[in-house]
Amino acid sequence: MPEICRFLGIIIRMFPESGIQHHRPHFHVKYQEHYATYGIDPIEVIAGSLPTRQHRFVEAWAELHRKELMRDWNLLISGEEPLPIEPLRQ
């Protein structure tokens, strides 16, 4: 499962899911024992949940990197590996 970014204990991944047709661009987030899936356009939680603080960090990061997220999505659906994206800076 390709990791595209890591910051403040948050891990962002984007990967193909075998046998599932993707209808909406999205990415997966892990923070400790919490998991969430975020849609890219619009940036919103579509499954799972994170603590409020980490959710806000992920939203801010995704807004800043929406173009790169879409680039990675397009790479992924064309069979290529997504590229790393810069982490959120404090």
PDB file of N, CA and C in Angstrom:
ATOM      1  N   MET A   1       0.849  -1.159   0.000  1.00  0.00           N
ATOM      2  CA  MET A   1       0.000   0.000   0.000  1.00  0.00           C
ATOM      3  C   MET A   1       0.906   1.237   0.000  1.00  0.00           C
ATOM      4  N   PRO A   2       0.979   1.971  -1.113  1.00  0.00           N
ATOM      5  CA  PRO A   2       1.902   3.104  -1.210  1.00  0.00           C
ATOM      6  C   PRO A   2       1.580   4.246  -0.243  1.00  0.00           C
ATOM      7  N   GLU A   3       2.591   4.631   0.513  1.00  0.00           N
ATOM      8  CA  GLU A   3       2.478   5.782   1.406  1.00  0.00           C
ATOM      9  C   GLU A   3       2.860   7.020   0.609  1.00  0.00           C
ATOM     10  N   ILE A   4       1.991   8.032   0.616  1.00  0.00           N
ATOM     11  CA  ILE A   4       2.319   9.237  -0.133  1.00  0.00           C
ATOM     12  C   ILE A   4       2.750  10.389   0.761  1.00  0.00           C
ATOM     13  N   CYS A   5       2.467  10.284   2.074  1.00  0.00           N
ATOM     14  CA  CYS A   5       2.890  11.347   2.990  1.00  0.00           C
ATOM     15  C   CYS A   5       2.779  10.861   4.428  1.00  0.00           C
ATOM     16  N   ARG A   6       3.606  11.492   5.281  1.00  0.00           N
ATOM     17  CA  ARG A   6       3.583  11.201   6.713  1.00  0.00           C
ATOM     18  C   ARG A   6       3.927  12.485   7.452  1.00  0.00           C
ATOM     19  N   PHE A   7       3.100  12.857   8.422  1.00  0.00           N
ATOM     20  CA  PHE A   7       3.369  14.040   9.250  1.00  0.00           C
ATOM     21  C   PHE A   7       2.592  13.939  10.560  1.00  0.00           C
ATOM     22  N   LEU A   8       3.200  14.397  11.633  1.00  0.00           N
ATOM     23  CA  LEU A   8       2.561  14.456  12.942  1.00  0.00           C
ATOM     24  C   LEU A   8       1.902  13.135  13.349  1.00  0.00           C
ATOM     25  N   GLY A   9       2.524  12.024  12.989  1.00  0.00           N
ATOM     26  CA  GLY A   9       1.988  10.712  13.321  1.00  0.00           C
ATOM     27  C   GLY A   9       0.868  10.247  12.404  1.00  0.00           C
ATOM     28  N   ILE A  10       0.556  11.037  11.385  1.00  0.00           N
ATOM     29  CA  ILE A  10      -0.518  10.727  10.434  1.00  0.00           C
ATOM     30  C   ILE A  10       0.116  10.114   9.186  1.00  0.00           C
ATOM     31  N   ILE A  11      -0.440   9.018   8.724  1.00  0.00           N
ATOM     32  CA  ILE A  11       0.064   8.352   7.519  1.00  0.00           C
ATOM     33  C   ILE A  11      -1.015   8.431   6.442  1.00  0.00           C
ATOM     34  N   ILE A  12      -0.630   8.948   5.272  1.00  0.00           N
ATOM     35  CA  ILE A  12      -1.548   9.091   4.142  1.00  0.00           C
ATOM     36  C   ILE A  12      -1.143   8.066   3.090  1.00  0.00           C
ATOM     37  N   ARG A  13      -2.116   7.283   2.624  1.00  0.00           N
ATOM     38  CA  ARG A  13      -1.865   6.263   1.605  1.00  0.00           C
ATOM     39  C   ARG A  13      -2.907   6.363   0.501  1.00  0.00           C
ATOM     40  N   MET A  14      -2.508   5.898  -0.656  1.00  0.00           N
ATOM     41  CA  MET A  14      -3.427   5.813  -1.781  1.00  0.00           C
ATOM     42  C   MET A  14      -3.088   4.513  -2.494  1.00  0.00           C
ATOM     43  N   PHE A  15      -4.084   3.685  -2.744  1.00  0.00           N
ATOM     44  CA  PHE A  15      -3.806   2.384  -3.328  1.00  0.00           C
ATOM     45  C   PHE A  15      -5.016   1.842  -4.065  1.00  0.00           C
ATOM     46  N   PRO A  16      -4.768   0.950  -5.023  1.00  0.00           N
ATOM     47  CA  PRO A  16      -5.887   0.294  -5.702  1.00  0.00           C
ATOM     48  C   PRO A  16      -6.480  -0.768  -4.780  1.00  0.00           C
ATOM     49  N   GLU A  17      -7.771  -0.945  -4.861  1.00  0.00           N
ATOM     50  CA  GLU A  17      -8.434  -1.975  -4.073  1.00  0.00           C
ATOM     51  C   GLU A  17      -8.896  -3.058  -5.036  1.00  0.00           C
ATOM     52  N   SER A  18      -8.355  -4.245  -4.917  1.00  0.00           N
ATOM     53  CA  SER A  18      -8.647  -5.361  -5.834  1.00  0.00           C
ATOM     54  C   SER A  18     -10.133  -5.617  -5.978  1.00  0.00           C
ATOM     55  N   GLY A  19     -10.556  -5.734  -7.226  1.00  0.00           N
ATOM     56  CA  GLY A  19     -11.922  -6.123  -7.510  1.00  0.00           C
ATOM     57  C   GLY A  19     -12.976  -5.076  -7.231  1.00  0.00           C
ATOM     58  N   ILE A  20     -12.557  -3.867  -6.849  1.00  0.00           N
ATOM     59  CA  ILE A  20     -13.513  -2.811  -6.534  1.00  0.00           C
ATOM     60  C   ILE A  20     -13.364  -1.697  -7.560  1.00  0.00           C
ATOM     61  N   GLN A  21     -14.482  -1.281  -8.135  1.00  0.00           N
ATOM     62  CA  GLN A  21     -14.470  -0.163  -9.071  1.00  0.00           C
ATOM     63  C   GLN A  21     -14.477   1.135  -8.260  1.00  0.00           C
ATOM     64  N   HIS A  22     -13.460   1.947  -8.435  1.00  0.00           N
ATOM     65  CA  HIS A  22     -13.413   3.241  -7.753  1.00  0.00           C
ATOM     66  C   HIS A  22     -14.287   4.236  -8.505  1.00  0.00           C
ATOM     67  N   HIS A  23     -15.223   4.816  -7.810  1.00  0.00           N
ATOM     68  CA  HIS A  23     -16.101   5.794  -8.427  1.00  0.00           C
ATOM     69  C   HIS A  23     -15.722   7.215  -8.027  1.00  0.00           C
ATOM     70  N   ARG A  24     -14.953   7.367  -6.989  1.00  0.00           N
ATOM     71  CA  ARG A  24     -14.629   8.686  -6.475  1.00  0.00           C
ATOM     72  C   ARG A  24     -13.167   8.724  -6.047  1.00  0.00           C
ATOM     73  N   PRO A  25     -12.420   9.737  -6.478  1.00  0.00           N
ATOM     74  CA  PRO A  25     -11.027   9.863  -6.026  1.00  0.00           C
ATOM     75  C   PRO A  25     -10.971  10.020  -4.500  1.00  0.00           C
ATOM     76  N   HIS A  26     -10.072   9.253  -3.883  1.00  0.00           N
ATOM     77  CA  HIS A  26      -9.976   9.300  -2.424  1.00  0.00           C
ATOM     78  C   HIS A  26      -8.589   8.854  -1.958  1.00  0.00           C
ATOM     79  N   PHE A  27      -8.335   9.055  -0.667  1.00  0.00           N
ATOM     80  CA  PHE A  27      -7.106   8.585  -0.043  1.00  0.00           C
ATOM     81  C   PHE A  27      -7.438   8.072   1.349  1.00  0.00           C
ATOM     82  N   HIS A  28      -6.522   7.288   1.901  1.00  0.00           N
ATOM     83  CA  HIS A  28      -6.717   6.635   3.191  1.00  0.00           C
ATOM     84  C   HIS A  28      -5.764   7.237   4.221  1.00  0.00           C
ATOM     85  N   VAL A  29      -6.258   7.367   5.447  1.00  0.00           N
ATOM     86  CA  VAL A  29      -5.479   7.983   6.526  1.00  0.00           C
ATOM     87  C   VAL A  29      -5.479   7.055   7.732  1.00  0.00           C
ATOM     88  N   LYS A  30      -4.307   6.938   8.347  1.00  0.00           N
ATOM     89  CA  LYS A  30      -4.166   6.183   9.599  1.00  0.00           C
ATOM     90  C   LYS A  30      -3.504   7.094  10.617  1.00  0.00           C
ATOM     91  N   TYR A  31      -4.062   7.133  11.804  1.00  0.00           N
ATOM     92  CA  TYR A  31      -3.458   7.831  12.938  1.00  0.00           C
ATOM     93  C   TYR A  31      -3.669   6.941  14.156  1.00  0.00           C
ATOM     94  N   GLN A  32      -2.590   6.417  14.692  1.00  0.00           N
ATOM     95  CA  GLN A  32      -2.649   5.455  15.790  1.00  0.00           C
ATOM     96  C   GLN A  32      -3.624   4.338  15.439  1.00  0.00           C
ATOM     97  N   GLU A  33      -4.703   4.160  16.223  1.00  0.00           N
ATOM     98  CA  GLU A  33      -5.658   3.086  15.927  1.00  0.00           C
ATOM     99  C   GLU A  33      -6.855   3.574  15.102  1.00  0.00           C
ATOM    100  N   HIS A  34      -6.803   4.813  14.636  1.00  0.00           N
ATOM    101  CA  HIS A  34      -7.898   5.413  13.880  1.00  0.00           C
ATOM    102  C   HIS A  34      -7.628   5.340  12.374  1.00  0.00           C
ATOM    103  N   TYR A  35      -8.690   5.106  11.630  1.00  0.00           N
ATOM    104  CA  TYR A  35      -8.609   5.042  10.169  1.00  0.00           C
ATOM    105  C   TYR A  35      -9.737   5.873   9.578  1.00  0.00           C
ATOM    106  N   ALA A  36      -9.454   6.527   8.453  1.00  0.00           N
ATOM    107  CA  ALA A  36     -10.497   7.272   7.741  1.00  0.00           C
ATOM    108  C   ALA A  36     -10.165   7.290   6.253  1.00  0.00           C
ATOM    109  N   THR A  37     -11.196   7.433   5.457  1.00  0.00           N
ATOM    110  CA  THR A  37     -11.040   7.598   4.018  1.00  0.00           C
ATOM    111  C   THR A  37     -11.617   8.966   3.671  1.00  0.00           C
ATOM    112  N   TYR A  38     -10.840   9.734   2.902  1.00  0.00           N
ATOM    113  CA  TYR A  38     -11.244  11.086   2.522  1.00  0.00           C
ATOM    114  C   TYR A  38     -11.433  11.178   1.014  1.00  0.00           C
ATOM    115  N   GLY A  39     -12.538  11.788   0.598  1.00  0.00           N
ATOM    116  CA  GLY A  39     -12.722  12.129  -0.801  1.00  0.00           C
ATOM    117  C   GLY A  39     -11.839  13.325  -1.125  1.00  0.00           C
ATOM    118  N   ILE A  40     -11.427  13.426  -2.385  1.00  0.00           N
ATOM    119  CA  ILE A  40     -10.538  14.515  -2.791  1.00  0.00           C
ATOM    120  C   ILE A  40     -11.315  15.742  -3.268  1.00  0.00           C
ATOM    121  N   ASP A  41     -12.448  15.550  -3.933  1.00  0.00           N
ATOM    122  CA  ASP A  41     -13.188  16.703  -4.436  1.00  0.00           C
ATOM    123  C   ASP A  41     -14.673  16.460  -4.261  1.00  0.00           C
ATOM    124  N   PRO A  42     -15.243  16.976  -3.177  1.00  0.00           N
ATOM    125  CA  PRO A  42     -14.638  17.845  -2.173  1.00  0.00           C
ATOM    126  C   PRO A  42     -13.840  17.048  -1.143  1.00  0.00           C
ATOM    127  N   ILE A  43     -12.994  17.770  -0.392  1.00  0.00           N
ATOM    128  CA  ILE A  43     -12.244  17.149   0.699  1.00  0.00           C
ATOM    129  C   ILE A  43     -13.244  16.892   1.827  1.00  0.00           C
ATOM    130  N   GLU A  44     -13.517  15.609   2.077  1.00  0.00           N
ATOM    131  CA  GLU A  44     -14.448  15.252   3.145  1.00  0.00           C
ATOM    132  C   GLU A  44     -14.252  13.792   3.525  1.00  0.00           C
ATOM    133  N   VAL A  45     -14.596  13.481   4.763  1.00  0.00           N
ATOM    134  CA  VAL A  45     -14.525  12.096   5.234  1.00  0.00           C
ATOM    135  C   VAL A  45     -15.656  11.322   4.580  1.00  0.00           C
ATOM    136  N   ILE A  46     -15.301  10.194   3.969  1.00  0.00           N
ATOM    137  CA  ILE A  46     -16.341   9.349   3.377  1.00  0.00           C
ATOM    138  C   ILE A  46     -16.474   8.009   4.115  1.00  0.00           C
ATOM    139  N   ALA A  47     -15.528   7.726   5.012  1.00  0.00           N
ATOM    140  CA  ALA A  47     -15.619   6.523   5.855  1.00  0.00           C
ATOM    141  C   ALA A  47     -14.664   6.679   7.024  1.00  0.00           C
ATOM    142  N   GLY A  48     -15.021   6.103   8.161  1.00  0.00           N
ATOM    143  CA  GLY A  48     -14.147   6.124   9.327  1.00  0.00           C
ATOM    144  C   GLY A  48     -14.125   7.478  10.017  1.00  0.00           C
ATOM    145  N   SER A  49     -13.142   7.643  10.911  1.00  0.00           N
ATOM    146  CA  SER A  49     -13.012   8.911  11.634  1.00  0.00           C
ATOM    147  C   SER A  49     -11.627   9.033  12.243  1.00  0.00           C
ATOM    148  N   LEU A  50     -11.248  10.273  12.511  1.00  0.00           N
ATOM    149  CA  LEU A  50      -9.996  10.599  13.195  1.00  0.00           C
ATOM    150  C   LEU A  50     -10.333  11.516  14.355  1.00  0.00           C
ATOM    151  N   PRO A  51      -9.443  11.623  15.349  1.00  0.00           N
ATOM    152  CA  PRO A  51      -9.639  12.641  16.373  1.00  0.00           C
ATOM    153  C   PRO A  51      -9.717  14.020  15.707  1.00  0.00           C
ATOM    154  N   THR A  52     -10.440  14.937  16.325  1.00  0.00           N
ATOM    155  CA  THR A  52     -10.698  16.262  15.744  1.00  0.00           C
ATOM    156  C   THR A  52      -9.433  16.979  15.298  1.00  0.00           C
ATOM    157  N   ARG A  53      -8.417  17.002  16.126  1.00  0.00           N
ATOM    158  CA  ARG A  53      -7.177  17.718  15.783  1.00  0.00           C
ATOM    159  C   ARG A  53      -6.534  17.129  14.519  1.00  0.00           C
ATOM    160  N   GLN A  54      -6.417  15.819  14.449  1.00  0.00           N
ATOM    161  CA  GLN A  54      -5.800  15.167  13.295  1.00  0.00           C
ATOM    162  C   GLN A  54      -6.678  15.330  12.049  1.00  0.00           C
ATOM    163  N   HIS A  55      -7.986  15.288  12.229  1.00  0.00           N
ATOM    164  CA  HIS A  55      -8.902  15.525  11.115  1.00  0.00           C
ATOM    165  C   HIS A  55      -8.644  16.907  10.513  1.00  0.00           C
ATOM    166  N   ARG A  56      -8.491  17.905  11.351  1.00  0.00           N
ATOM    167  CA  ARG A  56      -8.227  19.270  10.861  1.00  0.00           C
ATOM    168  C   ARG A  56      -6.894  19.351  10.136  1.00  0.00           C
ATOM    169  N   PHE A  57      -5.877  18.660  10.659  1.00  0.00           N
ATOM    170  CA  PHE A  57      -4.574  18.636   9.978  1.00  0.00           C
ATOM    171  C   PHE A  57      -4.707  18.008   8.589  1.00  0.00           C
ATOM    172  N   VAL A  58      -5.420  16.888   8.503  1.00  0.00           N
ATOM    173  CA  VAL A  58      -5.587  16.206   7.224  1.00  0.00           C
ATOM    174  C   VAL A  58      -6.350  17.089   6.244  1.00  0.00           C
ATOM    175  N   GLU A  59      -7.416  17.730   6.702  1.00  0.00           N
ATOM    176  CA  GLU A  59      -8.173  18.626   5.824  1.00  0.00           C
ATOM    177  C   GLU A  59      -7.304  19.761   5.294  1.00  0.00           C
ATOM    178  N   ALA A  60      -6.526  20.376   6.192  1.00  0.00           N
ATOM    179  CA  ALA A  60      -5.652  21.485   5.778  1.00  0.00           C
ATOM    180  C   ALA A  60      -4.618  21.001   4.766  1.00  0.00           C
ATOM    181  N   TRP A  61      -3.988  19.867   5.056  1.00  0.00           N
ATOM    182  CA  TRP A  61      -2.985  19.299   4.147  1.00  0.00           C
ATOM    183  C   TRP A  61      -3.604  18.998   2.787  1.00  0.00           C
ATOM    184  N   ALA A  62      -4.772  18.366   2.784  1.00  0.00           N
ATOM    185  CA  ALA A  62      -5.421  17.986   1.526  1.00  0.00           C
ATOM    186  C   ALA A  62      -5.818  19.212   0.703  1.00  0.00           C
ATOM    187  N   GLU A  63      -6.279  20.256   1.352  1.00  0.00           N
ATOM    188  CA  GLU A  63      -6.622  21.489   0.631  1.00  0.00           C
ATOM    189  C   GLU A  63      -5.377  22.074  -0.037  1.00  0.00           C
ATOM    190  N   LEU A  64      -4.267  22.057   0.671  1.00  0.00           N
ATOM    191  CA  LEU A  64      -3.013  22.584   0.120  1.00  0.00           C
ATOM    192  C   LEU A  64      -2.487  21.736  -1.040  1.00  0.00           C
ATOM    193  N   HIS A  65      -2.795  20.450  -1.034  1.00  0.00           N
ATOM    194  CA  HIS A  65      -2.202  19.523  -2.004  1.00  0.00           C
ATOM    195  C   HIS A  65      -3.235  18.832  -2.900  1.00  0.00           C
ATOM    196  N   ARG A  66      -4.371  19.482  -3.112  1.00  0.00           N
ATOM    197  CA  ARG A  66      -5.440  18.878  -3.918  1.00  0.00           C
ATOM    198  C   ARG A  66      -4.946  18.501  -5.322  1.00  0.00           C
ATOM    199  N   LYS A  67      -4.160  19.376  -5.960  1.00  0.00           N
ATOM    200  CA  LYS A  67      -3.652  19.074  -7.313  1.00  0.00           C
ATOM    201  C   LYS A  67      -2.774  17.829  -7.315  1.00  0.00           C
ATOM    202  N   GLU A  68      -1.886  17.727  -6.313  1.00  0.00           N
ATOM    203  CA  GLU A  68      -1.003  16.568  -6.236  1.00  0.00           C
ATOM    204  C   GLU A  68      -1.792  15.298  -5.928  1.00  0.00           C
ATOM    205  N   LEU A  69      -2.830  15.416  -5.100  1.00  0.00           N
ATOM    206  CA  LEU A  69      -3.673  14.259  -4.813  1.00  0.00           C
ATOM    207  C   LEU A  69      -4.362  13.764  -6.082  1.00  0.00           C
ATOM    208  N   MET A  70      -4.872  14.686  -6.891  1.00  0.00           N
ATOM    209  CA  MET A  70      -5.512  14.286  -8.153  1.00  0.00           C
ATOM    210  C   MET A  70      -4.488  13.702  -9.115  1.00  0.00           C
ATOM    211  N   ARG A  71      -3.275  14.261  -9.133  1.00  0.00           N
ATOM    212  CA  ARG A  71      -2.204  13.693  -9.971  1.00  0.00           C
ATOM    213  C   ARG A  71      -1.955  12.246  -9.557  1.00  0.00           C
ATOM    214  N   ASP A  72      -1.820  12.030  -8.249  1.00  0.00           N
ATOM    215  CA  ASP A  72      -1.560  10.680  -7.751  1.00  0.00           C
ATOM    216  C   ASP A  72      -2.725   9.748  -8.051  1.00  0.00           C
ATOM    217  N   TRP A  73      -3.942  10.237  -7.934  1.00  0.00           N
ATOM    218  CA  TRP A  73      -5.109   9.417  -8.250  1.00  0.00           C
ATOM    219  C   TRP A  73      -5.055   8.963  -9.706  1.00  0.00           C
ATOM    220  N   ASN A  74      -4.760   9.914 -10.592  1.00  0.00           N
ATOM    221  CA  ASN A  74      -4.695   9.595 -12.018  1.00  0.00           C
ATOM    222  C   ASN A  74      -3.565   8.622 -12.324  1.00  0.00           C
ATOM    223  N   LEU A  75      -2.433   8.766 -11.644  1.00  0.00           N
ATOM    224  CA  LEU A  75      -1.348   7.792 -11.805  1.00  0.00           C
ATOM    225  C   LEU A  75      -1.821   6.406 -11.367  1.00  0.00           C
ATOM    226  N   LEU A  76      -2.460   6.358 -10.224  1.00  0.00           N
ATOM    227  CA  LEU A  76      -2.922   5.086  -9.656  1.00  0.00           C
ATOM    228  C   LEU A  76      -3.900   4.367 -10.586  1.00  0.00           C
ATOM    229  N   ILE A  77      -4.880   5.088 -11.103  1.00  0.00           N
ATOM    230  CA  ILE A  77      -5.864   4.404 -11.945  1.00  0.00           C
ATOM    231  C   ILE A  77      -5.299   4.033 -13.311  1.00  0.00           C
ATOM    232  N   SER A  78      -4.149   4.646 -13.673  1.00  0.00           N
ATOM    233  CA  SER A  78      -3.513   4.248 -14.933  1.00  0.00           C
ATOM    234  C   SER A  78      -2.488   3.136 -14.710  1.00  0.00           C
ATOM    235  N   GLY A  79      -2.434   2.598 -13.477  1.00  0.00           N
ATOM    236  CA  GLY A  79      -1.561   1.470 -13.187  1.00  0.00           C
ATOM    237  C   GLY A  79      -0.187   1.842 -12.700  1.00  0.00           C
ATOM    238  N   GLU A  80       0.053   3.113 -12.431  1.00  0.00           N
ATOM    239  CA  GLU A  80       1.358   3.566 -11.943  1.00  0.00           C
ATOM    240  C   GLU A  80       1.299   3.828 -10.445  1.00  0.00           C
ATOM    241  N   GLU A  81       2.482   3.922  -9.836  1.00  0.00           N
ATOM    242  CA  GLU A  81       2.573   4.208  -8.411  1.00  0.00           C
ATOM    243  C   GLU A  81       2.371   5.704  -8.161  1.00  0.00           C
ATOM    244  N   PRO A  82       1.643   6.076  -7.093  1.00  0.00           N
ATOM    245  CA  PRO A  82       1.518   7.492  -6.750  1.00  0.00           C
ATOM    246  C   PRO A  82       2.862   8.042  -6.267  1.00  0.00           C
ATOM    247  N   LEU A  83       3.053   9.349  -6.418  1.00  0.00           N
ATOM    248  CA  LEU A  83       4.289  10.016  -6.009  1.00  0.00           C
ATOM    249  C   LEU A  83       4.140  10.602  -4.612  1.00  0.00           C
ATOM    250  N   PRO A  84       5.256  10.756  -3.883  1.00  0.00           N
ATOM    251  CA  PRO A  84       5.187  11.374  -2.553  1.00  0.00           C
ATOM    252  C   PRO A  84       4.698  12.821  -2.639  1.00  0.00           C
ATOM    253  N   ILE A  85       4.043  13.257  -1.573  1.00  0.00           N
ATOM    254  CA  ILE A  85       3.566  14.633  -1.447  1.00  0.00           C
ATOM    255  C   ILE A  85       4.170  15.219  -0.174  1.00  0.00           C
ATOM    256  N   GLU A  86       4.535  16.489  -0.226  1.00  0.00           N
ATOM    257  CA  GLU A  86       5.152  17.158   0.913  1.00  0.00           C
ATOM    258  C   GLU A  86       4.246  17.088   2.146  1.00  0.00           C
ATOM    259  N   PRO A  87       4.822  16.922   3.331  1.00  0.00           N
ATOM    260  CA  PRO A  87       4.027  16.885   4.557  1.00  0.00           C
ATOM    261  C   PRO A  87       3.562  18.281   4.962  1.00  0.00           C
ATOM    262  N   LEU A  88       2.612  18.329   5.888  1.00  0.00           N
ATOM    263  CA  LEU A  88       2.147  19.572   6.460  1.00  0.00           C
ATOM    264  C   LEU A  88       3.270  20.111   7.335  1.00  0.00           C
ATOM    265  N   ARG A  89       3.594  21.361   7.158  1.00  0.00           N
ATOM    266  CA  ARG A  89       4.660  22.004   7.955  1.00  0.00           C
ATOM    267  C   ARG A  89       4.050  22.816   9.075  1.00  0.00           C
ATOM    268  N   GLN A  90       4.689  22.766  10.231  1.00  0.00           N
ATOM    269  CA  GLN A  90       4.204  23.547  11.378  1.00  0.00           C
ATOM    270  C   GLN A  90       4.816  24.926  11.373  1.00  0.00           C
TER     271      GLN A  90
END
